[in-house]
PDB file of N, CA and C in Angstrom:
ATOM      1  N   MET A   1      67.059 -46.060 203.594  1.00  0.00           N
ATOM      2  CA  MET A   1      68.109 -47.078 204.176  1.00  0.00           C
ATOM      3  C   MET A   1      69.325 -46.633 204.123  1.00  0.00           C
ATOM      4  N   SER A   2      69.769 -46.331 205.422  1.00  0.00           N
ATOM      5  CA  SER A   2      71.215 -45.970 205.440  1.00  0.00           C
ATOM      6  C   SER A   2      72.149 -47.138 205.457  1.00  0.00           C
ATOM      7  N   VAL A   3      73.553 -46.516 204.743  1.00  0.00           N
ATOM      8  CA  VAL A   3      74.594 -47.431 204.617  1.00  0.00           C
ATOM      9  C   VAL A   3      75.427 -47.258 205.851  1.00  0.00           C
ATOM     10  N   PRO A   4      75.335 -48.506 206.530  1.00  0.00           N
ATOM     11  CA  PRO A   4      76.055 -48.507 207.987  1.00  0.00           C
ATOM     12  C   PRO A   4      77.651 -48.029 207.780  1.00  0.00           C
ATOM     13  N   ASP A   5      78.046 -47.345 208.539  1.00  0.00           N
ATOM     14  CA  ASP A   5      79.662 -47.125 208.528  1.00  0.00           C
ATOM     15  C   ASP A   5      80.362 -46.472 207.486  1.00  0.00           C
ATOM     16  N   GLU A   6      79.417 -45.422 207.013  1.00  0.00           N
ATOM     17  CA  GLU A   6      79.840 -44.588 205.875  1.00  0.00           C
ATOM     18  C   GLU A   6      79.961 -43.446 206.284  1.00  0.00           C
ATOM     19  N   PRO A   7      81.063 -43.038 206.671  1.00  0.00           N
ATOM     20  CA  PRO A   7      81.529 -41.430 207.055  1.00  0.00           C
ATOM     21  C   PRO A   7      80.865 -40.382 206.067  1.00  0.00           C
ATOM     22  N   ARG A   8      80.609 -39.349 206.904  1.00  0.00           N
ATOM     23  CA  ARG A   8      80.029 -38.210 206.158  1.00  0.00           C
ATOM     24  C   ARG A   8      81.151 -37.587 205.336  1.00  0.00           C
ATOM     25  N   PRO A   9      80.783 -37.022 204.043  1.00  0.00           N
ATOM     26  CA  PRO A   9      82.135 -36.354 203.388  1.00  0.00           C
ATOM     27  C   PRO A   9      82.748 -35.458 204.312  1.00  0.00           C
ATOM     28  N   VAL A  10      83.926 -35.041 204.028  1.00  0.00           N
ATOM     29  CA  VAL A  10      84.520 -34.053 204.794  1.00  0.00           C
ATOM     30  C   VAL A  10      84.765 -32.855 203.770  1.00  0.00           C
ATOM     31  N   PRO A  11      84.695 -31.625 204.039  1.00  0.00           N
ATOM     32  CA  PRO A  11      84.892 -30.649 202.896  1.00  0.00           C
ATOM     33  C   PRO A  11      86.529 -30.589 202.613  1.00  0.00           C
ATOM     34  N   PRO A  12      86.724 -29.905 201.769  1.00  0.00           N
ATOM     35  CA  PRO A  12      88.162 -29.626 201.258  1.00  0.00           C
ATOM     36  C   PRO A  12      88.691 -28.196 202.145  1.00  0.00           C
ATOM     37  N   LEU A  13      89.769 -28.217 202.316  1.00  0.00           N
ATOM     38  CA  LEU A  13      90.277 -27.250 203.065  1.00  0.00           C
ATOM     39  C   LEU A  13      90.705 -25.914 202.064  1.00  0.00           C
ATOM     40  N   PRO A  14      90.131 -24.689 202.278  1.00  0.00           N
ATOM     41  CA  PRO A  14      90.400 -23.693 201.247  1.00  0.00           C
ATOM     42  C   PRO A  14      91.843 -23.450 201.393  1.00  0.00           C
ATOM     43  N   PRO A  15      92.662 -22.652 200.142  1.00  0.00           N
ATOM     44  CA  PRO A  15      94.029 -22.319 200.226  1.00  0.00           C
ATOM     45  C   PRO A  15      94.329 -21.384 201.313  1.00  0.00           C
ATOM     46  N   ALA A  16      95.368 -21.535 201.951  1.00  0.00           N
ATOM     47  CA  ALA A  16      95.923 -20.513 202.911  1.00  0.00           C
ATOM     48  C   ALA A  16      96.117 -19.085 202.087  1.00  0.00           C
ATOM     49  N   PRO A  17      96.117 -18.142 202.430  1.00  0.00           N
ATOM     50  CA  PRO A  17      96.267 -16.767 202.120  1.00  0.00           C
ATOM     51  C   PRO A  17      97.601 -16.851 201.082  1.00  0.00           C
ATOM     52  N   GLY A  18      98.553 -17.185 201.395  1.00  0.00           N
ATOM     53  CA  GLY A  18      99.642 -17.171 200.650  1.00  0.00           C
ATOM     54  C   GLY A  18      99.828 -18.298 199.662  1.00  0.00           C
ATOM     55  N   ASP A  19      99.006 -19.015 199.379  1.00  0.00           N
ATOM     56  CA  ASP A  19      99.186 -20.420 198.605  1.00  0.00           C
ATOM     57  C   ASP A  19      99.111 -20.094 197.169  1.00  0.00           C
ATOM     58  N   CYS A  20      98.531 -18.793 196.688  1.00  0.00           N
ATOM     59  CA  CYS A  20      98.424 -18.344 195.289  1.00  0.00           C
ATOM     60  C   CYS A  20      99.394 -17.307 195.368  1.00  0.00           C
ATOM     61  N   CYS A  21     100.132 -17.587 193.885  1.00  0.00           N
ATOM     62  CA  CYS A  21     101.213 -16.786 193.661  1.00  0.00           C
ATOM     63  C   CYS A  21     101.004 -15.576 193.089  1.00  0.00           C
ATOM     64  N   ASN A  22      99.702 -15.520 192.204  1.00  0.00           N
ATOM     65  CA  ASN A  22      99.095 -14.538 191.648  1.00  0.00           C
ATOM     66  C   ASN A  22      99.704 -14.462 190.377  1.00  0.00           C
ATOM     67  N   SER A  23      99.976 -15.320 189.717  1.00  0.00           N
ATOM     68  CA  SER A  23     100.960 -15.243 188.462  1.00  0.00           C
ATOM     69  C   SER A  23     100.093 -15.775 187.152  1.00  0.00           C
ATOM     70  N   GLY A  24      98.720 -15.841 187.574  1.00  0.00           N
ATOM     71  CA  GLY A  24      97.913 -16.507 186.432  1.00  0.00           C
ATOM     72  C   GLY A  24      98.085 -18.056 186.042  1.00  0.00           C
ATOM     73  N   CYS A  25      98.508 -18.722 187.163  1.00  0.00           N
ATOM     74  CA  CYS A  25      98.726 -20.306 186.533  1.00  0.00           C
ATOM     75  C   CYS A  25      97.432 -20.923 186.185  1.00  0.00           C
ATOM     76  N   ALA A  26      97.698 -21.977 185.103  1.00  0.00           N
ATOM     77  CA  ALA A  26      96.587 -22.533 184.269  1.00  0.00           C
ATOM     78  C   ALA A  26      95.657 -23.449 185.559  1.00  0.00           C
ATOM     79  N   TRP A  27      96.367 -23.915 186.467  1.00  0.00           N
ATOM     80  CA  TRP A  27      95.704 -24.503 187.614  1.00  0.00           C
ATOM     81  C   TRP A  27      95.901 -23.769 188.831  1.00  0.00           C
ATOM     82  N   CYS A  28      95.349 -22.736 189.128  1.00  0.00           N
ATOM     83  CA  CYS A  28      95.600 -22.017 190.284  1.00  0.00           C
ATOM     84  C   CYS A  28      95.017 -22.691 191.357  1.00  0.00           C
ATOM     85  N   VAL A  29      95.662 -22.521 192.591  1.00  0.00           N
ATOM     86  CA  VAL A  29      94.941 -23.429 193.965  1.00  0.00           C
ATOM     87  C   VAL A  29      93.484 -23.027 194.230  1.00  0.00           C
ATOM     88  N   HIS A  30      93.054 -21.989 193.697  1.00  0.00           N
ATOM     89  CA  HIS A  30      91.865 -21.445 193.914  1.00  0.00           C
ATOM     90  C   HIS A  30      90.956 -22.241 192.939  1.00  0.00           C
ATOM     91  N   ASP A  31      91.239 -22.670 191.938  1.00  0.00           N
ATOM     92  CA  ASP A  31      90.476 -23.233 190.759  1.00  0.00           C
ATOM     93  C   ASP A  31      90.624 -24.593 191.279  1.00  0.00           C
ATOM     94  N   ILE A  32      91.473 -25.315 191.855  1.00  0.00           N
ATOM     95  CA  ILE A  32      91.591 -26.629 192.220  1.00  0.00           C
ATOM     96  C   ILE A  32      90.662 -26.760 193.432  1.00  0.00           C
ATOM     97  N   TYR A  33      90.671 -25.638 194.469  1.00  0.00           N
ATOM     98  CA  TYR A  33      89.815 -25.663 195.469  1.00  0.00           C
ATOM     99  C   TYR A  33      88.300 -25.855 195.204  1.00  0.00           C
ATOM    100  N   GLN A  34      88.254 -24.876 194.208  1.00  0.00           N
ATOM    101  CA  GLN A  34      86.631 -24.727 193.648  1.00  0.00           C
ATOM    102  C   GLN A  34      86.293 -26.220 192.987  1.00  0.00           C
ATOM    103  N   ASP A  35      86.945 -27.015 192.470  1.00  0.00           N
ATOM    104  CA  ASP A  35      86.782 -28.359 191.651  1.00  0.00           C
ATOM    105  C   ASP A  35      86.585 -29.159 192.933  1.00  0.00           C
ATOM    106  N   ALA A  36      87.367 -29.212 194.170  1.00  0.00           N
ATOM    107  CA  ALA A  36      87.318 -30.108 195.019  1.00  0.00           C
ATOM    108  C   ALA A  36      85.893 -29.725 195.916  1.00  0.00           C
ATOM    109  N   LEU A  37      85.470 -28.568 195.990  1.00  0.00           N
ATOM    110  CA  LEU A  37      84.396 -27.927 196.920  1.00  0.00           C
ATOM    111  C   LEU A  37      83.120 -28.521 196.074  1.00  0.00           C
ATOM    112  N   GLU A  38      83.275 -28.518 194.713  1.00  0.00           N
ATOM    113  CA  GLU A  38      82.087 -29.028 193.768  1.00  0.00           C
ATOM    114  C   GLU A  38      81.817 -30.698 194.083  1.00  0.00           C
ATOM    115  N   ARG A  39      82.814 -31.230 193.907  1.00  0.00           N
ATOM    116  CA  ARG A  39      82.951 -32.814 194.241  1.00  0.00           C
ATOM    117  C   ARG A  39      82.574 -33.041 195.559  1.00  0.00           C
ATOM    118  N   TYR A  40      83.009 -32.200 196.891  1.00  0.00           N
ATOM    119  CA  TYR A  40      82.350 -32.517 197.941  1.00  0.00           C
ATOM    120  C   TYR A  40      80.827 -32.066 198.050  1.00  0.00           C
ATOM    121  N   ARG A  41      80.327 -31.217 197.299  1.00  0.00           N
ATOM    122  CA  ARG A  41      78.872 -30.875 197.469  1.00  0.00           C
ATOM    123  C   ARG A  41      78.083 -32.039 196.819  1.00  0.00           C
ATOM    124  N   GLN A  42      78.678 -32.452 195.831  1.00  0.00           N
ATOM    125  CA  GLN A  42      77.843 -33.773 194.968  1.00  0.00           C
ATOM    126  C   GLN A  42      77.952 -34.914 196.000  1.00  0.00           C
ATOM    127  N   ALA A  43      79.342 -35.257 196.372  1.00  0.00           N
ATOM    128  CA  ALA A  43      79.194 -36.314 197.443  1.00  0.00           C
ATOM    129  C   ALA A  43      78.414 -36.442 198.668  1.00  0.00           C
ATOM    130  N   LEU A  44      78.399 -34.955 199.237  1.00  0.00           N
ATOM    131  CA  LEU A  44      77.454 -34.707 200.135  1.00  0.00           C
ATOM    132  C   LEU A  44      76.179 -34.918 200.025  1.00  0.00           C
ATOM    133  N   ALA A  45      75.512 -34.646 198.772  1.00  0.00           N
ATOM    134  CA  ALA A  45      74.054 -34.807 198.584  1.00  0.00           C
ATOM    135  C   ALA A  45      73.906 -36.057 198.473  1.00  0.00           C
ATOM    136  N   ALA A  46      74.696 -36.700 197.672  1.00  0.00           N
ATOM    137  CA  ALA A  46      74.506 -38.255 197.595  1.00  0.00           C
ATOM    138  C   ALA A  46      74.434 -39.075 199.017  1.00  0.00           C
ATOM    139  N   TRP A  47      75.513 -38.535 199.924  1.00  0.00           N
ATOM    140  CA  TRP A  47      75.727 -39.134 201.190  1.00  0.00           C
ATOM    141  C   TRP A  47      74.001 -38.838 202.012  1.00  0.00           C
ATOM    142  N   LYS A  48      73.600 -37.724 202.190  1.00  0.00           N
ATOM    143  CA  LYS A  48      72.410 -37.287 202.531  1.00  0.00           C
ATOM    144  C   LYS A  48      71.075 -37.965 202.013  1.00  0.00           C
ATOM    145  N   GLN A  49      71.239 -38.349 200.776  1.00  0.00           N
ATOM    146  CA  GLN A  49      70.109 -39.430 200.219  1.00  0.00           C
ATOM    147  C   GLN A  49      70.046 -40.711 200.769  1.00  0.00           C
ATOM    148  N   ARG A  50      71.491 -41.028 201.032  1.00  0.00           N
ATOM    149  CA  ARG A  50      71.861 -42.373 201.558  1.00  0.00           C
ATOM    150  C   ARG A  50      71.718 -42.543 203.075  1.00  0.00           C
ATOM    151  N   HIS A  51      71.683 -41.455 203.810  1.00  0.00           N
ATOM    152  CA  HIS A  51      71.420 -41.144 205.161  1.00  0.00           C
ATOM    153  C   HIS A  51      70.269 -40.086 205.510  1.00  0.00           C
ATOM    154  N   PRO A  52      69.059 -40.397 205.173  1.00  0.00           N
ATOM    155  CA  PRO A  52      68.043 -39.530 205.468  1.00  0.00           C
ATOM    156  C   PRO A  52      67.654 -39.298 206.874  1.00  0.00           C
ATOM    157  N   ASP A  53      67.999 -40.013 207.761  1.00  0.00           N
ATOM    158  CA  ASP A  53      67.745 -40.195 209.074  1.00  0.00           C
ATOM    159  C   ASP A  53      68.880 -39.382 209.704  1.00  0.00           C
ATOM    160  N   VAL A  54      69.936 -38.571 209.142  1.00  0.00           N
ATOM    161  CA  VAL A  54      70.916 -37.871 210.123  1.00  0.00           C
ATOM    162  C   VAL A  54      70.440 -36.533 209.973  1.00  0.00           C
ATOM    163  N   SER A  55      70.549 -36.079 211.267  1.00  0.00           N
ATOM    164  CA  SER A  55      70.325 -34.695 211.168  1.00  0.00           C
ATOM    165  C   SER A  55      71.204 -33.609 210.690  1.00  0.00           C
ATOM    166  N   GLU A  56      71.016 -32.331 210.504  1.00  0.00           N
ATOM    167  CA  GLU A  56      71.982 -31.108 209.574  1.00  0.00           C
ATOM    168  C   GLU A  56      72.887 -30.599 210.671  1.00  0.00           C
ATOM    169  N   ASP A  57      73.627 -31.426 211.494  1.00  0.00           N
ATOM    170  CA  ASP A  57      74.541 -30.665 212.638  1.00  0.00           C
ATOM    171  C   ASP A  57      75.558 -30.063 211.830  1.00  0.00           C
TER     172      ASP A  57
END
């Protein structure tokens, strides 16, 4: 059963090449991006379960 009007999750944008200062920050932009990417993958998997009729475009 599809949930109507539920948009497909959108992947996070990766950090731009100059976003990391290379100083070893506790929460580097790359770490934050990886966390967001994992949340996106989980949200997408759950969305696909709710929308089995949608193609993989």
